[in-house]
Amino acid sequence: MRIWTLHPSHLDRQGLIALWREALLARAVLRGMTRGYRHHPQLSRFREHPAPRFTISLYLAAVHAEAEQRGYLFDRTKVGRHRDCRPIVSTRGQLEYEWEHLLRKLRRRSPEWYRRIRTVPPTAHPCFQIVEGPVESWEKSR
């Protein structure tokens, strides 16, 4: 599971579709509707938020908006209820780590998309506020 701190606009088609599915799974986990992935480290930042269910739905809304902008037909009814809420704080180190991770994936999987975005500065998903700091402690491959 990868719930990107990066803005979904950076993802290629395969990445955006995978993010949609994984964020839906994350929402099911946060709602207590699944036995798997309950202790996944990436979900800790949502669990620590005062409104984790609204926040994951807000996360999904931004993914849906990106998909819609590209002409994809993601099911809007799966987004769930959401409202603007306090952003999740993440670090510049995490954002940069994910950017390098994504670029490595894209170089192999989607060379054309890689060439398109490699010089663009990475931006964060709107659910996150970026502060200075190292890669997050929950990240597996630090």
C-alpha atoms as a PDB file:
ATOM      1  CA  MET A   1       0.000   0.000   0.000  1.00  0.00           C
ATOM      2  CA  ARG A   2       1.267   3.454  -0.902  1.00  0.00           C
ATOM      3  CA  ILE A   3      -0.805   6.453   0.102  1.00  0.00           C
ATOM      4  CA  TRP A   4       1.280   9.133  -1.591  1.00  0.00           C
ATOM      5  CA  THR A   5       2.100  12.423   0.062  1.00  0.00           C
ATOM      6  CA  LEU A   6       2.714  13.630  -3.490  1.00  0.00           C
ATOM      7  CA  HIS A   7      -0.062  15.331  -5.408  1.00  0.00           C
ATOM      8  CA  PRO A   8      -1.933  12.815  -7.610  1.00  0.00           C
ATOM      9  CA  SER A   9      -1.160  14.936 -10.695  1.00  0.00           C
ATOM     10  CA  HIS A  10       2.387  13.536 -10.603  1.00  0.00           C
ATOM     11  CA  LEU A  11       1.194   9.956 -11.050  1.00  0.00           C
ATOM     12  CA  ASP A  12       0.906   8.186 -14.373  1.00  0.00           C
ATOM     13  CA  ARG A  13      -2.263   6.322 -15.340  1.00  0.00           C
ATOM     14  CA  GLN A  14      -1.255   3.109 -13.562  1.00  0.00           C
ATOM     15  CA  GLY A  15      -0.188   5.003 -10.459  1.00  0.00           C
ATOM     16  CA  LEU A  16      -3.396   7.012 -10.249  1.00  0.00           C
ATOM     17  CA  ILE A  17      -5.558   3.914 -10.629  1.00  0.00           C
ATOM     18  CA  ALA A  18      -3.516   2.072  -7.985  1.00  0.00           C
ATOM     19  CA  LEU A  19      -3.750   5.054  -5.633  1.00  0.00           C
ATOM     20  CA  TRP A  20      -7.540   5.118  -6.019  1.00  0.00           C
ATOM     21  CA  ARG A  21      -7.781   1.440  -5.091  1.00  0.00           C
ATOM     22  CA  GLU A  22      -5.329   1.706  -2.213  1.00  0.00           C
ATOM     23  CA  ALA A  23      -6.999   4.805  -0.774  1.00  0.00           C
ATOM     24  CA  LEU A  24     -10.360   3.015  -0.929  1.00  0.00           C
ATOM     25  CA  LEU A  25      -8.766   0.110   0.926  1.00  0.00           C
ATOM     26  CA  ALA A  26      -7.295   2.544   3.462  1.00  0.00           C
ATOM     27  CA  ARG A  27     -10.748   4.037   4.026  1.00  0.00           C
ATOM     28  CA  ALA A  28     -12.184   0.549   4.608  1.00  0.00           C
ATOM     29  CA  VAL A  29      -9.404  -0.150   7.113  1.00  0.00           C
ATOM     30  CA  LEU A  30     -10.028   3.132   8.955  1.00  0.00           C
ATOM     31  CA  ARG A  31     -13.741   2.291   9.101  1.00  0.00           C
ATOM     32  CA  GLY A  32     -12.960  -1.108  10.623  1.00  0.00           C
ATOM     33  CA  MET A  33     -14.380  -2.944   7.622  1.00  0.00           C
ATOM     34  CA  THR A  34     -11.411  -5.218   6.942  1.00  0.00           C
ATOM     35  CA  ARG A  35      -9.061  -7.439   8.887  1.00  0.00           C
ATOM     36  CA  GLY A  36      -6.030  -6.872   6.663  1.00  0.00           C
ATOM     37  CA  TYR A  37      -3.763  -3.819   6.628  1.00  0.00           C
ATOM     38  CA  ARG A  38      -4.987  -2.670  10.058  1.00  0.00           C
ATOM     39  CA  HIS A  39      -1.436  -2.025  11.220  1.00  0.00           C
ATOM     40  CA  HIS A  40      -0.052  -0.625   7.982  1.00  0.00           C
ATOM     41  CA  PRO A  41       2.443   2.115   8.877  1.00  0.00           C
ATOM     42  CA  GLN A  42       1.179   4.594   6.281  1.00  0.00           C
ATOM     43  CA  LEU A  43      -2.221   4.663   7.942  1.00  0.00           C
ATOM     44  CA  SER A  44      -0.783   5.965  11.202  1.00  0.00           C
ATOM     45  CA  ARG A  45      -0.804   9.541   9.933  1.00  0.00           C
ATOM     46  CA  PHE A  46      -4.535   9.289   9.221  1.00  0.00           C
ATOM     47  CA  ARG A  47      -5.251   7.553  12.538  1.00  0.00           C
ATOM     48  CA  GLU A  48      -3.434  10.303  14.433  1.00  0.00           C
ATOM     49  CA  HIS A  49      -5.592  12.975  12.812  1.00  0.00           C
ATOM     50  CA  PRO A  50      -8.606  14.145  14.872  1.00  0.00           C
ATOM     51  CA  ALA A  51     -10.954  13.243  11.986  1.00  0.00           C
ATOM     52  CA  PRO A  52      -9.364  10.252  10.202  1.00  0.00           C
ATOM     53  CA  ARG A  53     -12.474   9.177   8.265  1.00  0.00           C
ATOM     54  CA  PHE A  54     -13.195  12.646   6.912  1.00  0.00           C
ATOM     55  CA  THR A  55      -9.518  13.090   6.078  1.00  0.00           C
ATOM     56  CA  ILE A  56      -9.229   9.865   4.050  1.00  0.00           C
ATOM     57  CA  SER A  57     -12.432  10.808   2.220  1.00  0.00           C
ATOM     58  CA  LEU A  58     -10.981  14.252   1.504  1.00  0.00           C
ATOM     59  CA  TYR A  59      -7.846  12.472   0.248  1.00  0.00           C
ATOM     60  CA  LEU A  60     -10.025  10.356  -2.063  1.00  0.00           C
ATOM     61  CA  ALA A  61     -11.870  13.471  -3.294  1.00  0.00           C
ATOM     62  CA  ALA A  62      -8.603  14.967  -4.550  1.00  0.00           C
ATOM     63  CA  VAL A  63      -7.674  11.702  -6.267  1.00  0.00           C
ATOM     64  CA  HIS A  64     -11.125  11.620  -7.855  1.00  0.00           C
ATOM     65  CA  ALA A  65     -10.747  15.246  -9.019  1.00  0.00           C
ATOM     66  CA  GLU A  66      -7.453  14.412 -10.730  1.00  0.00           C
ATOM     67  CA  ALA A  67      -8.982  11.361 -12.402  1.00  0.00           C
ATOM     68  CA  GLU A  68     -11.965  13.387 -13.565  1.00  0.00           C
ATOM     69  CA  GLN A  69      -9.659  16.058 -14.991  1.00  0.00           C
ATOM     70  CA  ARG A  70      -7.960  13.342 -17.061  1.00  0.00           C
ATOM     71  CA  GLY A  71     -11.284  11.970 -18.282  1.00  0.00           C
ATOM     72  CA  TYR A  72     -11.252   8.800 -16.168  1.00  0.00           C
ATOM     73  CA  LEU A  73     -14.511   7.473 -14.774  1.00  0.00           C
ATOM     74  CA  PHE A  74     -13.869   6.818 -11.089  1.00  0.00           C
ATOM     75  CA  ASP A  75     -17.052   6.296  -9.063  1.00  0.00           C
ATOM     76  CA  ARG A  76     -17.712   9.546  -7.168  1.00  0.00           C
ATOM     77  CA  THR A  77     -20.081   7.758  -4.776  1.00  0.00           C
ATOM     78  CA  LYS A  78     -17.091   5.880  -3.321  1.00  0.00           C
ATOM     79  CA  VAL A  79     -15.467   9.083  -2.062  1.00  0.00           C
ATOM     80  CA  GLY A  80     -17.653   9.318   1.024  1.00  0.00           C
ATOM     81  CA  ARG A  81     -18.534  12.252   3.227  1.00  0.00           C
ATOM     82  CA  HIS A  82     -15.776  14.748   3.734  1.00  0.00           C
ATOM     83  CA  ARG A  83     -15.185  18.283   4.804  1.00  0.00           C
ATOM     84  CA  ASP A  84     -12.248  20.603   4.918  1.00  0.00           C
ATOM     85  CA  CYS A  85     -10.192  19.814   7.953  1.00  0.00           C
ATOM     86  CA  ARG A  86      -6.800  20.418   9.421  1.00  0.00           C
ATOM     87  CA  PRO A  87      -4.067  19.116   7.098  1.00  0.00           C
ATOM     88  CA  ILE A  88      -1.830  16.219   8.021  1.00  0.00           C
ATOM     89  CA  VAL A  89       1.694  17.416   8.691  1.00  0.00           C
ATOM     90  CA  SER A  90       4.384  15.652   6.689  1.00  0.00           C
ATOM     91  CA  THR A  91       8.014  16.421   6.046  1.00  0.00           C
ATOM     92  CA  ARG A  92      10.001  17.746   3.131  1.00  0.00           C
ATOM     93  CA  GLY A  93      12.204  14.659   3.492  1.00  0.00           C
ATOM     94  CA  GLN A  94       9.173  12.401   2.999  1.00  0.00           C
ATOM     95  CA  LEU A  95       7.995  14.336  -0.034  1.00  0.00           C
ATOM     96  CA  GLU A  96      11.457  14.193  -1.616  1.00  0.00           C
ATOM     97  CA  TYR A  97      11.828  10.497  -0.774  1.00  0.00           C
ATOM     98  CA  GLU A  98       8.513   9.728  -2.474  1.00  0.00           C
ATOM     99  CA  TRP A  99       9.458  11.891  -5.466  1.00  0.00           C
ATOM    100  CA  GLU A 100      12.667   9.918  -6.029  1.00  0.00           C
ATOM    101  CA  HIS A 101      10.774   6.653  -5.496  1.00  0.00           C
ATOM    102  CA  LEU A 102       8.146   7.677  -8.051  1.00  0.00           C
ATOM    103  CA  LEU A 103      10.734   8.801 -10.605  1.00  0.00           C
ATOM    104  CA  ARG A 104      12.524   5.430 -10.344  1.00  0.00           C
ATOM    105  CA  LYS A 105       9.229   3.623 -10.960  1.00  0.00           C
ATOM    106  CA  LEU A 106       8.270   5.863 -13.865  1.00  0.00           C
ATOM    107  CA  ARG A 107      11.644   5.598 -15.556  1.00  0.00           C
ATOM    108  CA  ARG A 108      10.923   1.886 -16.085  1.00  0.00           C
ATOM    109  CA  ARG A 109       7.140   1.752 -16.249  1.00  0.00           C
ATOM    110  CA  SER A 110       6.190   4.947 -18.118  1.00  0.00           C
ATOM    111  CA  PRO A 111       9.227   6.547 -19.789  1.00  0.00           C
ATOM    112  CA  GLU A 112       7.101   9.137 -21.585  1.00  0.00           C
ATOM    113  CA  TRP A 113       5.410  10.245 -18.334  1.00  0.00           C
ATOM    114  CA  TYR A 114       8.815  10.250 -16.639  1.00  0.00           C
ATOM    115  CA  ARG A 115      10.222  12.640 -19.275  1.00  0.00           C
ATOM    116  CA  ARG A 116       7.153  14.828 -18.846  1.00  0.00           C
ATOM    117  CA  ILE A 117       7.407  15.296 -15.064  1.00  0.00           C
ATOM    118  CA  ARG A 118      11.053  14.708 -14.084  1.00  0.00           C
ATOM    119  CA  THR A 119      11.899  18.429 -14.049  1.00  0.00           C
ATOM    120  CA  VAL A 120       8.671  19.537 -12.364  1.00  0.00           C
ATOM    121  CA  PRO A 121       9.057  20.392  -8.681  1.00  0.00           C
ATOM    122  CA  PRO A 122       7.159  17.905  -6.512  1.00  0.00           C
ATOM    123  CA  THR A 123       4.037  19.198  -4.829  1.00  0.00           C
ATOM    124  CA  ALA A 124       2.032  17.676  -2.000  1.00  0.00           C
ATOM    125  CA  HIS A 125      -1.466  16.245  -1.998  1.00  0.00           C
ATOM    126  CA  PRO A 126      -3.789  18.956  -0.628  1.00  0.00           C
ATOM    127  CA  CYS A 127      -4.392  16.909   2.557  1.00  0.00           C
ATOM    128  CA  PHE A 128      -0.790  17.487   3.618  1.00  0.00           C
ATOM    129  CA  GLN A 129       1.088  20.443   5.006  1.00  0.00           C
ATOM    130  CA  ILE A 130       4.812  20.094   4.354  1.00  0.00           C
ATOM    131  CA  VAL A 131       7.298  21.150   7.024  1.00  0.00           C
ATOM    132  CA  GLU A 132      11.052  20.785   7.144  1.00  0.00           C
ATOM    133  CA  GLY A 133      12.245  17.417   8.371  1.00  0.00           C
ATOM    134  CA  PRO A 134      13.622  14.009   7.427  1.00  0.00           C
ATOM    135  CA  VAL A 135      11.875  11.003   5.901  1.00  0.00           C
ATOM    136  CA  GLU A 136       9.011   9.887   8.153  1.00  0.00           C
ATOM    137  CA  SER A 137       9.894   7.239  10.725  1.00  0.00           C
ATOM    138  CA  TRP A 138       7.161   4.873   9.445  1.00  0.00           C
ATOM    139  CA  GLU A 139       8.652   4.737   5.932  1.00  0.00           C
ATOM    140  CA  LYS A 140       9.938   1.225   5.213  1.00  0.00           C
ATOM    141  CA  SER A 141      12.844   1.818   2.838  1.00  0.00           C
ATOM    142  CA  ARG A 142      14.626   4.696   4.502  1.00  0.00           C
END
